Amino acid sequence: MKVGIVGAGSIGLWFAGRLADAGVDVSVLARGRTLSALTAGGVNVQSNDSSLKANVTVSDDATTLGRQDLVIFTVKAHDLSAAAESAESMIDADSLILPAMNGVPWWFLETAPSELSQHAIRTVDPAGRCAALLPVSQVVGCVVHASCFVVEPGTVQHVMGNSLILGAASTVSPQRLSQVEKLFTAAKFDTTVSDDIRYDIWYKLWGNMTMNPLSALTGATCDIILDEPGARTFASAVMDEAAEIGAAIGCEITQSPDDRHAITRKLGAFKTSMLQDAEAGRPLEISALLEAPQEIARFAGISTPSLDYLLGLMRVFNQAR
């Protein structure tokens, strides 16, 4: 398979390096210093016990990269619409599209088992461009359980986690899904295929929709947040509301917030992706993590006072920065 990667941040570089090292034909749409670094020296992936270097095809012009069998988007949700437009020539009717991104994707309600499927989520796709350029019938949903950060352009440090969960967002066939699974497995990712990728996406969101913003607001790692009773209680209140939203859209969560907190606490003092973005001065990904769940709650007639408070604080924090 020819694989195109759009978004040469930490996860995009990690994917590019691992796949290219496994012999996959990888093209990366990049720009600026990252384009120069990848052109000159390829992708460098560092981890605690090993490192690798792999060459990829790279350009800032998607037309020179051409049509790809699988296009992986590893951008922030608020950048996806522009990224989809820039990558349009990499995608045709036979291409698979894999968004490896946090939060609620643009297609999430299209396959919901209720009347809510009639609603478009405008907080993550305001003008409907994602839905138009990235048809849900071609989408492979993906949940990434890993932590990485960019050391310098073209070089990524893998901190922990190696798990990918894949699943058809709509009508991608089991055979084509198996192709993608084998691709990542050959690159030594711990890859599983889900029968309900919507649930897996919502379950990850259920945990990181609180830890991500609270860590960005406070500058604290997750262990500090969870060890403070007031912060932990507030996070639990948001998660209770998110569980109610999930039940309304066919993503029922049976765990308690404390169950999930215990899992997160075992990870120790790690920095969330949003805390890394805050420290780097980048815009924060509040649309997919907070605004979209609130929008879905309004569609379903569910009250979310704790989520509303957290979203309000994050909007002020993002604007002030």
Protein backbone atom coordinates (compact mmCIF):
# COMPACT_ATOMS: atom_id res chain seq x y z
CA MET A 1 0.00 0.00 0.00
CA LYS A 2 1.06 3.57 -0.66
CA VAL A 3 0.59 5.50 2.56
CA GLY A 4 0.33 9.28 2.79
CA ILE A 5 0.64 11.10 6.10
CA VAL A 6 -0.82 14.56 6.56
CA GLY A 7 0.49 16.22 9.70
CA ALA A 8 4.16 15.84 10.59
CA GLY A 9 3.82 16.34 14.33
CA SER A 10 4.66 13.78 16.97
CA ILE A 11 2.18 11.03 16.02
CA GLY A 12 2.60 11.65 12.29
CA LEU A 13 6.38 11.34 12.51
CA TRP A 14 6.09 8.25 14.70
CA PHE A 15 3.80 6.58 12.16
CA ALA A 16 5.96 7.68 9.22
CA GLY A 17 9.18 6.38 10.72
CA ARG A 18 7.82 3.05 11.88
CA LEU A 19 5.95 2.33 8.64
CA ALA A 20 8.84 3.36 6.39
CA ASP A 21 11.26 1.29 8.48
CA ALA A 22 8.99 -1.71 7.82
CA GLY A 23 9.33 -1.18 4.08
CA VAL A 24 6.09 0.71 3.43
CA ASP A 25 6.04 3.35 0.67
CA VAL A 26 5.41 6.45 2.83
CA SER A 27 4.81 10.01 1.64
CA VAL A 28 4.55 12.93 4.06
CA LEU A 29 2.87 16.26 3.39
CA ALA A 30 4.95 18.75 5.37
CA ARG A 31 6.16 22.34 5.25
CA GLY A 32 8.71 24.73 6.67
CA ARG A 33 11.51 23.42 8.87
CA THR A 34 9.96 19.96 9.02
CA LEU A 35 9.95 19.71 5.23
CA SER A 36 13.63 20.69 5.16
CA ALA A 37 14.55 18.23 7.92
CA LEU A 38 12.73 15.30 6.34
CA THR A 39 14.20 16.06 2.94
CA ALA A 40 17.74 16.24 4.30
CA GLY A 41 17.74 13.48 6.88
CA GLY A 42 14.53 11.44 6.83
CA VAL A 43 12.50 10.62 9.92
CA ASN A 44 14.21 9.91 13.23
CA VAL A 45 12.24 7.99 15.87
CA GLN A 46 13.78 7.72 19.33
CA SER A 47 12.56 5.62 22.22
CA ASN A 48 13.91 4.63 25.62
CA ASP A 49 15.74 1.55 24.33
CA SER A 50 16.18 2.03 20.59
CA SER A 51 16.12 4.44 17.67
CA LEU A 52 15.52 4.26 13.95
CA LYS A 53 16.00 6.42 10.90
CA ALA A 54 13.94 6.02 7.74
CA ASN A 55 13.65 7.89 4.46
CA VAL A 56 10.26 9.03 3.20
CA THR A 57 8.99 10.92 0.19
CA VAL A 58 8.16 14.45 1.32
CA SER A 59 6.63 17.55 -0.24
CA ASP A 60 4.57 20.60 0.64
CA ASP A 61 2.52 20.04 -2.53
CA ALA A 62 0.10 17.10 -2.45
CA THR A 63 -0.11 16.97 -6.24
CA THR A 64 3.54 15.89 -6.40
CA LEU A 65 2.85 13.06 -3.94
CA GLY A 66 -0.10 11.78 -5.93
CA ARG A 67 -2.90 9.40 -5.09
CA GLN A 68 -2.41 7.21 -1.99
CA ASP A 69 -4.04 3.93 -0.94
CA LEU A 70 -4.24 5.05 2.69
CA VAL A 71 -4.16 8.66 3.86
CA ILE A 72 -3.50 9.16 7.57
CA PHE A 73 -4.42 12.50 9.13
CA THR A 74 -2.48 13.31 12.30
CA VAL A 75 -3.35 17.00 12.61
CA LYS A 76 -5.29 18.76 15.36
CA ALA A 77 -9.06 18.74 14.90
CA HIS A 78 -9.25 22.49 14.30
CA ASP A 79 -6.77 22.10 11.42
CA LEU A 80 -8.43 19.14 9.73
CA SER A 81 -10.62 21.03 7.28
CA ALA A 82 -7.65 22.94 5.86
CA ALA A 83 -5.52 19.77 5.88
CA ALA A 84 -8.20 17.86 3.96
CA GLU A 85 -8.28 20.58 1.30
CA SER A 86 -4.48 20.60 0.99
CA ALA A 87 -4.43 16.79 0.65
CA GLU A 88 -7.31 16.53 -1.82
CA SER A 89 -5.15 15.24 -4.68
CA MET A 90 -3.89 12.37 -2.50
CA ILE A 91 -7.40 10.92 -2.15
CA ASP A 92 -9.72 9.35 -4.68
CA ALA A 93 -12.80 7.15 -4.39
CA ASP A 94 -10.68 4.06 -3.65
CA SER A 95 -8.44 5.60 -0.99
CA LEU A 96 -8.91 4.74 2.65
CA ILE A 97 -8.86 7.63 5.12
CA LEU A 98 -7.58 7.17 8.66
CA PRO A 99 -7.83 10.08 11.11
CA ALA A 100 -5.49 9.35 14.05
CA MET A 101 -6.73 12.22 16.18
CA ASN A 102 -8.11 12.94 19.63
CA GLY A 103 -11.72 13.71 20.39
CA VAL A 104 -14.99 13.53 18.48
CA PRO A 105 -14.48 13.21 14.69
CA TRP A 106 -16.68 14.93 12.11
CA TRP A 107 -18.39 11.68 11.10
CA PHE A 108 -19.27 10.54 14.62
CA LEU A 109 -23.04 11.04 14.53
CA GLU A 110 -23.50 9.89 10.92
CA THR A 111 -23.49 6.27 12.12
CA ALA A 112 -25.18 6.82 15.49
CA PRO A 113 -28.06 4.37 16.12
CA SER A 114 -30.67 7.06 16.77
CA GLU A 115 -32.30 10.13 15.28
CA LEU A 116 -29.18 12.04 16.34
CA SER A 117 -27.54 10.70 13.16
CA GLN A 118 -29.35 13.48 11.30
CA HIS A 119 -27.21 16.12 13.00
CA ALA A 120 -23.87 17.37 11.68
CA ILE A 121 -21.32 18.30 14.35
CA ARG A 122 -20.50 21.87 13.40
CA THR A 123 -18.04 22.49 16.23
CA VAL A 124 -15.53 20.20 14.46
CA ASP A 125 -16.70 20.75 10.86
CA PRO A 126 -18.19 24.25 10.71
CA ALA A 127 -18.57 24.48 6.93
CA GLY A 128 -19.06 20.79 6.21
CA ARG A 129 -15.77 20.54 4.31
CA CYS A 130 -14.54 17.47 6.18
CA ALA A 131 -17.74 15.60 5.40
CA ALA A 132 -17.47 16.61 1.74
CA LEU A 133 -13.78 15.81 1.25
CA LEU A 134 -13.47 12.82 3.59
CA PRO A 135 -16.50 10.56 3.01
CA VAL A 136 -17.40 8.42 6.01
CA SER A 137 -17.75 5.39 3.68
CA GLN A 138 -13.96 5.49 3.22
CA VAL A 139 -12.99 6.14 6.83
CA VAL A 140 -11.13 3.76 9.10
CA GLY A 141 -11.58 4.99 12.66
CA CYS A 142 -8.51 4.88 14.87
CA VAL A 143 -7.72 5.24 18.56
CA VAL A 144 -4.07 5.79 19.47
CA HIS A 145 -2.85 4.90 22.94
CA ALA A 146 0.67 6.34 22.95
CA SER A 147 2.63 9.37 24.06
CA CYS A 148 5.21 11.08 21.82
CA PHE A 149 6.74 14.52 21.47
CA VAL A 150 8.74 16.29 18.78
CA VAL A 151 12.36 16.80 19.81
CA GLU A 152 13.14 18.92 16.75
CA PRO A 153 11.76 19.03 13.20
CA GLY A 154 11.96 15.51 11.76
CA THR A 155 12.78 13.87 15.10
CA VAL A 156 10.22 12.38 17.49
CA GLN A 157 10.64 10.86 20.94
CA HIS A 158 8.32 7.96 21.72
CA VAL A 159 7.62 7.97 25.47
CA MET A 160 5.16 5.15 26.07
CA GLY A 161 2.29 3.16 24.60
CA ASN A 162 2.15 1.26 21.32
CA SER A 163 -1.53 0.45 20.92
CA LEU A 164 -3.75 1.17 17.93
CA ILE A 165 -7.45 0.29 17.74
CA LEU A 166 -8.91 0.27 14.23
CA GLY A 167 -12.48 -0.04 13.04
CA ALA A 168 -14.70 0.79 10.10
CA ALA A 169 -16.50 4.08 10.62
CA SER A 170 -19.19 2.98 8.20
CA THR A 171 -18.92 0.61 5.24
CA VAL A 172 -15.21 -0.16 4.83
CA SER A 173 -15.08 -3.91 4.16
CA PRO A 174 -13.48 -6.39 6.58
CA GLN A 175 -10.98 -7.30 3.87
CA ARG A 176 -9.75 -3.73 3.44
CA LEU A 177 -9.71 -3.21 7.19
CA SER A 178 -7.58 -6.33 7.52
CA GLN A 179 -5.13 -4.83 5.01
CA VAL A 180 -4.66 -1.81 7.23
CA GLU A 181 -4.33 -3.95 10.35
CA LYS A 182 -1.60 -6.06 8.72
CA LEU A 183 0.21 -2.91 7.60
CA PHE A 184 0.49 -1.57 11.15
CA THR A 185 1.18 -4.98 12.67
CA ALA A 186 4.10 -5.46 10.29
CA ALA A 187 5.45 -2.14 11.59
CA LYS A 188 5.29 -3.59 15.12
CA PHE A 189 2.32 -1.62 16.40
CA ASP A 190 0.05 -3.48 18.84
CA THR A 191 -2.97 -3.39 16.55
CA THR A 192 -6.50 -4.63 17.23
CA VAL A 193 -9.68 -4.38 15.19
CA SER A 194 -12.83 -3.22 16.96
CA ASP A 195 -16.40 -4.15 16.13
CA ASP A 196 -17.51 -0.75 17.51
CA ILE A 197 -14.89 1.92 16.91
CA ARG A 198 -17.35 4.63 17.96
CA TYR A 199 -17.38 3.19 21.47
CA ASP A 200 -13.57 3.06 21.59
CA ILE A 201 -13.33 6.67 20.46
CA TRP A 202 -15.85 7.78 23.06
CA TYR A 203 -14.20 5.74 25.81
CA LYS A 204 -10.84 7.40 25.20
CA LEU A 205 -12.53 10.80 25.09
CA TRP A 206 -14.27 10.02 28.39
CA GLY A 207 -10.87 10.01 30.07
CA ASN A 208 -8.89 12.64 28.22
CA MET A 209 -11.62 15.30 27.93
CA THR A 210 -10.81 16.13 31.56
CA MET A 211 -7.14 15.31 32.00
CA ASN A 212 -6.08 17.16 28.86
CA PRO A 213 -7.70 20.53 29.64
CA LEU A 214 -7.07 20.39 33.40
CA SER A 215 -3.39 19.71 32.81
CA ALA A 216 -3.18 22.59 30.32
CA LEU A 217 -4.94 24.98 32.71
CA THR A 218 -2.84 24.07 35.73
CA GLY A 219 0.45 23.09 34.14
CA ALA A 220 0.32 19.92 36.23
CA THR A 221 0.89 16.32 35.26
CA CYS A 222 -2.02 13.92 35.69
CA ASP A 223 -0.76 12.37 38.92
CA ILE A 224 -0.89 15.75 40.67
CA ILE A 225 -4.39 16.45 39.36
CA LEU A 226 -5.77 13.07 40.44
CA ASP A 227 -4.15 13.29 43.88
CA GLU A 228 -6.01 16.54 44.61
CA PRO A 229 -9.52 15.57 45.86
CA GLY A 230 -11.26 18.70 44.53
CA ALA A 231 -9.78 18.41 41.05
CA ARG A 232 -10.53 14.70 40.95
CA THR A 233 -14.16 15.29 42.00
CA PHE A 234 -14.60 17.94 39.31
CA ALA A 235 -13.15 15.62 36.67
CA SER A 236 -15.55 12.89 37.82
CA ALA A 237 -18.52 15.25 37.47
CA VAL A 238 -17.59 16.01 33.85
CA MET A 239 -17.16 12.29 33.18
CA ASP A 240 -20.58 11.49 34.66
CA GLU A 241 -22.13 13.92 32.18
CA ALA A 242 -20.09 12.46 29.31
CA ALA A 243 -21.27 8.97 30.24
CA GLU A 244 -24.88 10.18 29.98
CA ILE A 245 -24.16 11.64 26.53
CA GLY A 246 -22.52 8.37 25.51
CA ALA A 247 -25.58 6.36 26.52
CA ALA A 248 -27.73 8.59 24.29
CA ILE A 249 -25.56 7.92 21.21
CA GLY A 250 -25.02 4.20 21.61
CA CYS A 251 -21.68 4.40 23.46
CA GLU A 252 -22.66 3.29 26.93
CA ILE A 253 -19.83 3.23 29.49
CA THR A 254 -20.20 0.86 32.43
CA GLN A 255 -17.07 1.89 34.35
CA SER A 256 -17.15 4.55 37.04
CA PRO A 257 -14.95 7.67 36.85
CA ASP A 258 -12.91 6.27 39.76
CA ASP A 259 -12.25 3.10 37.74
CA ARG A 260 -10.80 5.22 34.93
CA HIS A 261 -8.89 7.49 37.30
CA ALA A 262 -7.16 4.41 38.73
CA ILE A 263 -5.97 3.43 35.25
CA THR A 264 -4.71 6.94 34.50
CA ARG A 265 -3.01 7.27 37.90
CA LYS A 266 -0.91 4.17 37.19
CA LEU A 267 0.69 6.01 34.26
CA GLY A 268 2.43 8.33 36.71
CA ALA A 269 3.68 11.85 36.03
CA PHE A 270 3.08 12.16 32.30
CA LYS A 271 2.30 15.27 30.27
CA THR A 272 -0.86 15.20 28.19
CA SER A 273 -0.77 16.30 24.57
CA MET A 274 -2.72 19.45 25.47
CA LEU A 275 -0.23 20.38 28.18
CA GLN A 276 2.55 19.97 25.61
CA ASP A 277 0.62 22.24 23.22
CA ALA A 278 0.08 24.83 25.97
CA GLU A 279 3.77 24.86 26.86
CA ALA A 280 4.68 25.24 23.18
CA GLY A 281 2.26 28.13 22.70
CA ARG A 282 0.09 26.25 20.19
CA PRO A 283 -3.73 26.63 19.91
CA LEU A 284 -5.53 24.11 22.09
CA GLU A 285 -7.76 21.35 20.76
CA ILE A 286 -10.93 22.24 22.66
CA SER A 287 -13.38 21.82 19.77
CA ALA A 288 -13.11 18.03 19.47
CA LEU A 289 -12.61 17.37 23.19
CA LEU A 290 -15.15 19.72 24.76
CA GLU A 291 -17.25 21.69 22.28
CA ALA A 292 -18.37 18.65 20.28
CA PRO A 293 -19.55 16.69 23.34
CA GLN A 294 -21.44 19.78 24.50
CA GLU A 295 -23.02 20.15 21.04
CA ILE A 296 -24.12 16.50 21.07
CA ALA A 297 -25.54 16.96 24.57
CA ARG A 298 -27.65 19.87 23.33
CA PHE A 299 -28.96 17.72 20.46
CA ALA A 300 -29.92 15.04 23.00
CA GLY A 301 -31.42 17.46 25.54
CA ILE A 302 -28.85 16.60 28.23
CA SER A 303 -27.75 19.18 30.81
CA THR A 304 -23.97 19.47 31.27
CA PRO A 305 -23.15 22.12 33.90
CA SER A 306 -19.71 20.75 34.80
CA LEU A 307 -18.69 20.36 31.15
CA ASP A 308 -19.97 23.88 30.49
CA TYR A 309 -17.79 25.30 33.29
CA LEU A 310 -14.70 23.49 32.04
CA LEU A 311 -15.32 24.59 28.45
CA GLY A 312 -15.81 28.20 29.54
CA LEU A 313 -12.51 28.19 31.41
CA MET A 314 -10.71 26.63 28.46
CA ARG A 315 -12.11 29.19 26.01
CA VAL A 316 -10.85 32.03 28.22
CA PHE A 317 -7.47 30.33 28.70
CA ASN A 318 -7.07 29.69 24.97
CA GLN A 319 -8.07 33.25 24.07
CA ALA A 320 -5.82 34.81 26.71
CA ARG A 321 -2.83 32.89 25.47
